[in-house]
PDB file of N, CA and C in Angstrom:
ATOM      1  N   MET A   1       4.608 -18.557   3.371  1.00  0.00           N
ATOM      2  CA  MET A   1       4.700 -17.386   2.511  1.00  0.00           C
ATOM      3  C   MET A   1       5.713 -16.420   3.101  1.00  0.00           C
ATOM      4  N   SER A   2       6.504 -15.803   2.261  1.00  0.00           N
ATOM      5  CA  SER A   2       7.504 -14.863   2.739  1.00  0.00           C
ATOM      6  C   SER A   2       6.857 -13.528   3.112  1.00  0.00           C
ATOM      7  N   GLU A   3       7.663 -12.680   3.693  1.00  0.00           N
ATOM      8  CA  GLU A   3       7.179 -11.354   4.092  1.00  0.00           C
ATOM      9  C   GLU A   3       6.795 -10.535   2.856  1.00  0.00           C
ATOM     10  N   PRO A   4       5.734  -9.766   2.931  1.00  0.00           N
ATOM     11  CA  PRO A   4       5.367  -8.890   1.814  1.00  0.00           C
ATOM     12  C   PRO A   4       6.442  -7.827   1.592  1.00  0.00           C
ATOM     13  N   ASN A   5       6.616  -7.434   0.359  1.00  0.00           N
ATOM     14  CA  ASN A   5       7.607  -6.424   0.007  1.00  0.00           C
ATOM     15  C   ASN A   5       6.981  -5.028  -0.073  1.00  0.00           C
ATOM     16  N   CYS A   6       5.873  -4.838   0.570  1.00  0.00           N
ATOM     17  CA  CYS A   6       5.110  -3.587   0.464  1.00  0.00           C
ATOM     18  C   CYS A   6       5.916  -2.320   0.787  1.00  0.00           C
ATOM     19  N   PRO A   7       6.775  -2.322   1.821  1.00  0.00           N
ATOM     20  CA  PRO A   7       7.512  -1.090   2.102  1.00  0.00           C
ATOM     21  C   PRO A   7       8.465  -0.689   0.977  1.00  0.00           C
ATOM     22  N   ASN A   8       8.899  -1.651   0.167  1.00  0.00           N
ATOM     23  CA  ASN A   8       9.868  -1.383  -0.898  1.00  0.00           C
ATOM     24  C   ASN A   8       9.282  -1.535  -2.296  1.00  0.00           C
ATOM     25  N   CYS A   9       7.980  -1.630  -2.395  1.00  0.00           N
ATOM     26  CA  CYS A   9       7.313  -1.876  -3.671  1.00  0.00           C
ATOM     27  C   CYS A   9       7.555  -0.715  -4.647  1.00  0.00           C
ATOM     28  N   THR A  10       7.982  -1.067  -5.854  1.00  0.00           N
ATOM     29  CA  THR A  10       8.240  -0.057  -6.880  1.00  0.00           C
ATOM     30  C   THR A  10       6.962   0.672  -7.273  1.00  0.00           C
ATOM     31  N   PHE A  11       5.859  -0.061  -7.367  1.00  0.00           N
ATOM     32  CA  PHE A  11       4.589   0.569  -7.733  1.00  0.00           C
ATOM     33  C   PHE A  11       4.130   1.531  -6.642  1.00  0.00           C
ATOM     34  N   ARG A  12       4.348   1.160  -5.396  1.00  0.00           N
ATOM     35  CA  ARG A  12       3.967   2.040  -4.284  1.00  0.00           C
ATOM     36  C   ARG A  12       4.797   3.321  -4.319  1.00  0.00           C
ATOM     37  N   LYS A  13       6.069   3.192  -4.599  1.00  0.00           N
ATOM     38  CA  LYS A  13       6.926   4.381  -4.710  1.00  0.00           C
ATOM     39  C   LYS A  13       6.464   5.268  -5.854  1.00  0.00           C
ATOM     40  N   ARG A  14       6.021   4.643  -6.938  1.00  0.00           N
ATOM     41  CA  ARG A  14       5.518   5.411  -8.070  1.00  0.00           C
ATOM     42  C   ARG A  14       4.249   6.156  -7.677  1.00  0.00           C
ATOM     43  N   TYR A  15       3.366   5.486  -6.924  1.00  0.00           N
ATOM     44  CA  TYR A  15       2.141   6.136  -6.458  1.00  0.00           C
ATOM     45  C   TYR A  15       2.481   7.313  -5.552  1.00  0.00           C
ATOM     46  N   ASP A  16       3.461   7.122  -4.672  1.00  0.00           N
ATOM     47  CA  ASP A  16       3.836   8.202  -3.762  1.00  0.00           C
ATOM     48  C   ASP A  16       4.385   9.410  -4.511  1.00  0.00           C
ATOM     49  N   SER A  17       5.122   9.178  -5.600  1.00  0.00           N
ATOM     50  CA  SER A  17       5.691  10.304  -6.335  1.00  0.00           C
ATOM     51  C   SER A  17       4.737  10.854  -7.396  1.00  0.00           C
ATOM     52  N   LYS A  18       3.976   9.966  -8.058  1.00  0.00           N
ATOM     53  CA  LYS A  18       3.055  10.389  -9.117  1.00  0.00           C
ATOM     54  C   LYS A  18       1.773   9.569  -9.036  1.00  0.00           C
ATOM     55  N   PRO A  19       0.844   9.957  -8.163  1.00  0.00           N
ATOM     56  CA  PRO A  19      -0.380   9.163  -7.966  1.00  0.00           C
ATOM     57  C   PRO A  19      -1.228   8.995  -9.227  1.00  0.00           C
ATOM     58  N   ALA A  20      -1.140   9.908 -10.158  1.00  0.00           N
ATOM     59  CA  ALA A  20      -1.976   9.821 -11.355  1.00  0.00           C
ATOM     60  C   ALA A  20      -1.349   8.971 -12.458  1.00  0.00           C
ATOM     61  N   SER A  21      -0.117   8.495 -12.257  1.00  0.00           N
ATOM     62  CA  SER A  21       0.530   7.673 -13.277  1.00  0.00           C
ATOM     63  C   SER A  21      -0.182   6.329 -13.398  1.00  0.00           C
ATOM     64  N   LEU A  22       0.015   5.661 -14.510  1.00  0.00           N
ATOM     65  CA  LEU A  22      -0.631   4.373 -14.731  1.00  0.00           C
ATOM     66  C   LEU A  22      -0.214   3.356 -13.670  1.00  0.00           C
ATOM     67  N   LEU A  23       1.076   3.256 -13.384  1.00  0.00           N
ATOM     68  CA  LEU A  23       1.540   2.307 -12.368  1.00  0.00           C
ATOM     69  C   LEU A  23       1.051   2.691 -10.978  1.00  0.00           C
ATOM     70  N   GLY A  24       0.991   3.973 -10.705  1.00  0.00           N
ATOM     71  CA  GLY A  24       0.478   4.432  -9.420  1.00  0.00           C
ATOM     72  C   GLY A  24      -0.981   4.066  -9.232  1.00  0.00           C
ATOM     73  N   ARG A  25      -1.765   4.303 -10.266  1.00  0.00           N
ATOM     74  CA  ARG A  25      -3.188   3.950 -10.190  1.00  0.00           C
ATOM     75  C   ARG A  25      -3.381   2.443 -10.127  1.00  0.00           C
ATOM     76  N   LEU A  26      -2.543   1.683 -10.829  1.00  0.00           N
ATOM     77  CA  LEU A  26      -2.605   0.223 -10.771  1.00  0.00           C
ATOM     78  C   LEU A  26      -2.316  -0.269  -9.359  1.00  0.00           C
ATOM     79  N   TRP A  27      -1.300   0.303  -8.713  1.00  0.00           N
ATOM     80  CA  TRP A  27      -0.980  -0.089  -7.336  1.00  0.00           C
ATOM     81  C   TRP A  27      -2.138   0.239  -6.403  1.00  0.00           C
ATOM     82  N   ARG A  28      -2.719   1.400  -6.544  1.00  0.00           N
ATOM     83  CA  ARG A  28      -3.820   1.807  -5.661  1.00  0.00           C
ATOM     84  C   ARG A  28      -5.019   0.882  -5.830  1.00  0.00           C
ATOM     85  N   TRP A  29      -5.310   0.466  -7.045  1.00  0.00           N
ATOM     86  CA  TRP A  29      -6.388  -0.486  -7.296  1.00  0.00           C
ATOM     87  C   TRP A  29      -6.031  -1.842  -6.697  1.00  0.00           C
ATOM     88  N   HIS A  30      -4.792  -2.245  -6.874  1.00  0.00           N
ATOM     89  CA  HIS A  30      -4.311  -3.554  -6.432  1.00  0.00           C
ATOM     90  C   HIS A  30      -4.408  -3.736  -4.915  1.00  0.00           C
ATOM     91  N   ILE A  31      -4.145  -2.710  -4.126  1.00  0.00           N
ATOM     92  CA  ILE A  31      -4.150  -2.883  -2.663  1.00  0.00           C
ATOM     93  C   ILE A  31      -5.546  -3.103  -2.099  1.00  0.00           C
ATOM     94  N   ASN A  32      -6.576  -2.881  -2.909  1.00  0.00           N
ATOM     95  CA  ASN A  32      -7.938  -3.149  -2.438  1.00  0.00           C
ATOM     96  C   ASN A  32      -8.192  -4.628  -2.202  1.00  0.00           C
ATOM     97  N   TRP A  33      -7.466  -5.509  -2.877  1.00  0.00           N
ATOM     98  CA  TRP A  33      -7.706  -6.944  -2.742  1.00  0.00           C
ATOM     99  C   TRP A  33      -6.444  -7.768  -2.496  1.00  0.00           C
ATOM    100  N   CYS A  34      -5.283  -7.151  -2.457  1.00  0.00           N
ATOM    101  CA  CYS A  34      -4.010  -7.873  -2.328  1.00  0.00           C
ATOM    102  C   CYS A  34      -3.844  -8.512  -0.940  1.00  0.00           C
ATOM    103  N   PRO A  35      -3.670  -9.839  -0.863  1.00  0.00           N
ATOM    104  CA  PRO A  35      -3.490 -10.485   0.441  1.00  0.00           C
ATOM    105  C   PRO A  35      -2.180 -10.082   1.114  1.00  0.00           C
ATOM    106  N   GLY A  36      -1.145  -9.808   0.316  1.00  0.00           N
ATOM    107  CA  GLY A  36       0.134  -9.371   0.883  1.00  0.00           C
ATOM    108  C   GLY A  36       0.006  -8.015   1.562  1.00  0.00           C
ATOM    109  N   TRP A  37      -0.719  -7.094   0.932  1.00  0.00           N
ATOM    110  CA  TRP A  37      -0.930  -5.768   1.518  1.00  0.00           C
ATOM    111  C   TRP A  37      -1.733  -5.882   2.801  1.00  0.00           C
ATOM    112  N   LYS A  38      -2.762  -6.721   2.773  1.00  0.00           N
ATOM    113  CA  LYS A  38      -3.585  -6.898   3.972  1.00  0.00           C
ATOM    114  C   LYS A  38      -2.768  -7.485   5.111  1.00  0.00           C
ATOM    115  N   SER A  39      -1.896  -8.418   4.800  1.00  0.00           N
ATOM    116  CA  SER A  39      -1.019  -9.008   5.811  1.00  0.00           C
ATOM    117  C   SER A  39      -0.040  -7.963   6.340  1.00  0.00           C
ATOM    118  N   TYR A  40       0.522  -7.185   5.427  1.00  0.00           N
ATOM    119  CA  TYR A  40       1.481  -6.140   5.805  1.00  0.00           C
ATOM    120  C   TYR A  40       0.826  -5.108   6.716  1.00  0.00           C
ATOM    121  N   ILE A  41      -0.320  -4.608   6.325  1.00  0.00           N
ATOM    122  CA  ILE A  41      -0.967  -3.535   7.084  1.00  0.00           C
ATOM    123  C   ILE A  41      -1.484  -4.032   8.432  1.00  0.00           C
ATOM    124  N   SER A  42      -1.915  -5.285   8.494  1.00  0.00           N
ATOM    125  CA  SER A  42      -2.409  -5.806   9.775  1.00  0.00           C
ATOM    126  C   SER A  42      -1.273  -6.064  10.758  1.00  0.00           C
ATOM    127  N   GLY A  43      -0.048  -6.188  10.264  1.00  0.00           N
ATOM    128  CA  GLY A  43       1.100  -6.412  11.130  1.00  0.00           C
ATOM    129  C   GLY A  43       1.742  -5.137  11.648  1.00  0.00           C
ATOM    130  N   LEU A  44       1.236  -3.992  11.221  1.00  0.00           N
ATOM    131  CA  LEU A  44       1.802  -2.709  11.653  1.00  0.00           C
ATOM    132  C   LEU A  44       1.180  -2.253  12.969  1.00  0.00           C
ATOM    133  N   PRO A  45       1.907  -1.413  13.707  1.00  0.00           N
ATOM    134  CA  PRO A  45       1.297  -0.804  14.897  1.00  0.00           C
ATOM    135  C   PRO A  45       0.099   0.066  14.486  1.00  0.00           C
ATOM    136  N   GLU A  46      -0.849   0.220  15.374  1.00  0.00           N
ATOM    137  CA  GLU A  46      -2.094   0.941  15.070  1.00  0.00           C
ATOM    138  C   GLU A  46      -1.844   2.358  14.551  1.00  0.00           C
ATOM    139  N   GLU A  47      -0.892   3.080  15.129  1.00  0.00           N
ATOM    140  CA  GLU A  47      -0.628   4.459  14.691  1.00  0.00           C
ATOM    141  C   GLU A  47      -0.154   4.493  13.241  1.00  0.00           C
ATOM    142  N   GLU A  48       0.749   3.590  12.896  1.00  0.00           N
ATOM    143  CA  GLU A  48       1.262   3.553  11.531  1.00  0.00           C
ATOM    144  C   GLU A  48       0.176   3.097  10.551  1.00  0.00           C
ATOM    145  N   ARG A  49      -0.642   2.168  10.983  1.00  0.00           N
ATOM    146  CA  ARG A  49      -1.764   1.692  10.165  1.00  0.00           C
ATOM    147  C   ARG A  49      -2.722   2.840   9.860  1.00  0.00           C
ATOM    148  N   GLU A  50      -3.060   3.619  10.870  1.00  0.00           N
ATOM    149  CA  GLU A  50      -3.957   4.765  10.670  1.00  0.00           C
ATOM    150  C   GLU A  50      -3.325   5.803   9.747  1.00  0.00           C
ATOM    151  N   SER A  51      -2.026   5.995   9.886  1.00  0.00           N
ATOM    152  CA  SER A  51      -1.318   6.933   9.025  1.00  0.00           C
ATOM    153  C   SER A  51      -1.420   6.501   7.560  1.00  0.00           C
ATOM    154  N   LEU A  52      -1.213   5.216   7.295  1.00  0.00           N
ATOM    155  CA  LEU A  52      -1.322   4.707   5.923  1.00  0.00           C
ATOM    156  C   LEU A  52      -2.754   4.769   5.418  1.00  0.00           C
ATOM    157  N   ARG A  53      -3.708   4.501   6.280  1.00  0.00           N
ATOM    158  CA  ARG A  53      -5.117   4.581   5.870  1.00  0.00           C
ATOM    159  C   ARG A  53      -5.479   5.990   5.419  1.00  0.00           C
ATOM    160  N   SER A  54      -5.027   6.979   6.165  1.00  0.00           N
ATOM    161  CA  SER A  54      -5.353   8.349   5.776  1.00  0.00           C
ATOM    162  C   SER A  54      -4.549   8.782   4.549  1.00  0.00           C
ATOM    163  N   LYS A  55      -3.301   8.347   4.448  1.00  0.00           N
ATOM    164  CA  LYS A  55      -2.452   8.716   3.309  1.00  0.00           C
ATOM    165  C   LYS A  55      -3.000   8.167   1.999  1.00  0.00           C
ATOM    166  N   TYR A  56      -3.482   6.916   2.028  1.00  0.00           N
ATOM    167  CA  TYR A  56      -3.944   6.265   0.811  1.00  0.00           C
ATOM    168  C   TYR A  56      -5.464   6.215   0.685  1.00  0.00           C
ATOM    169  N   GLY A  57      -6.176   6.841   1.600  1.00  0.00           N
ATOM    170  CA  GLY A  57      -7.634   6.902   1.524  1.00  0.00           C
ATOM    171  C   GLY A  57      -8.299   5.550   1.677  1.00  0.00           C
ATOM    172  N   LEU A  58      -7.803   4.750   2.613  1.00  0.00           N
ATOM    173  CA  LEU A  58      -8.361   3.420   2.849  1.00  0.00           C
ATOM    174  C   LEU A  58      -9.423   3.471   3.923  1.00  0.00           C
ATOM    175  N   LYS A  59     -10.252   2.440   3.979  1.00  0.00           N
ATOM    176  CA  LYS A  59     -11.318   2.363   4.978  1.00  0.00           C
ATOM    177  C   LYS A  59     -10.770   2.007   6.322  1.00  0.00           C
TER     178      LYS A  59
END
């Protein structure tokens, strides 16, 4: 499997600019079960992972 495109994801950018938009909400729902997102986030350094968890309200 190739590298996840999470840092450049169009839906993620939409969520960052307009979290209440349909695409933004779809992306936020999607990351709860997306294997690519889980792979991406587990490959990050702990500090950056914690930053994303707090930014996106993840567990």
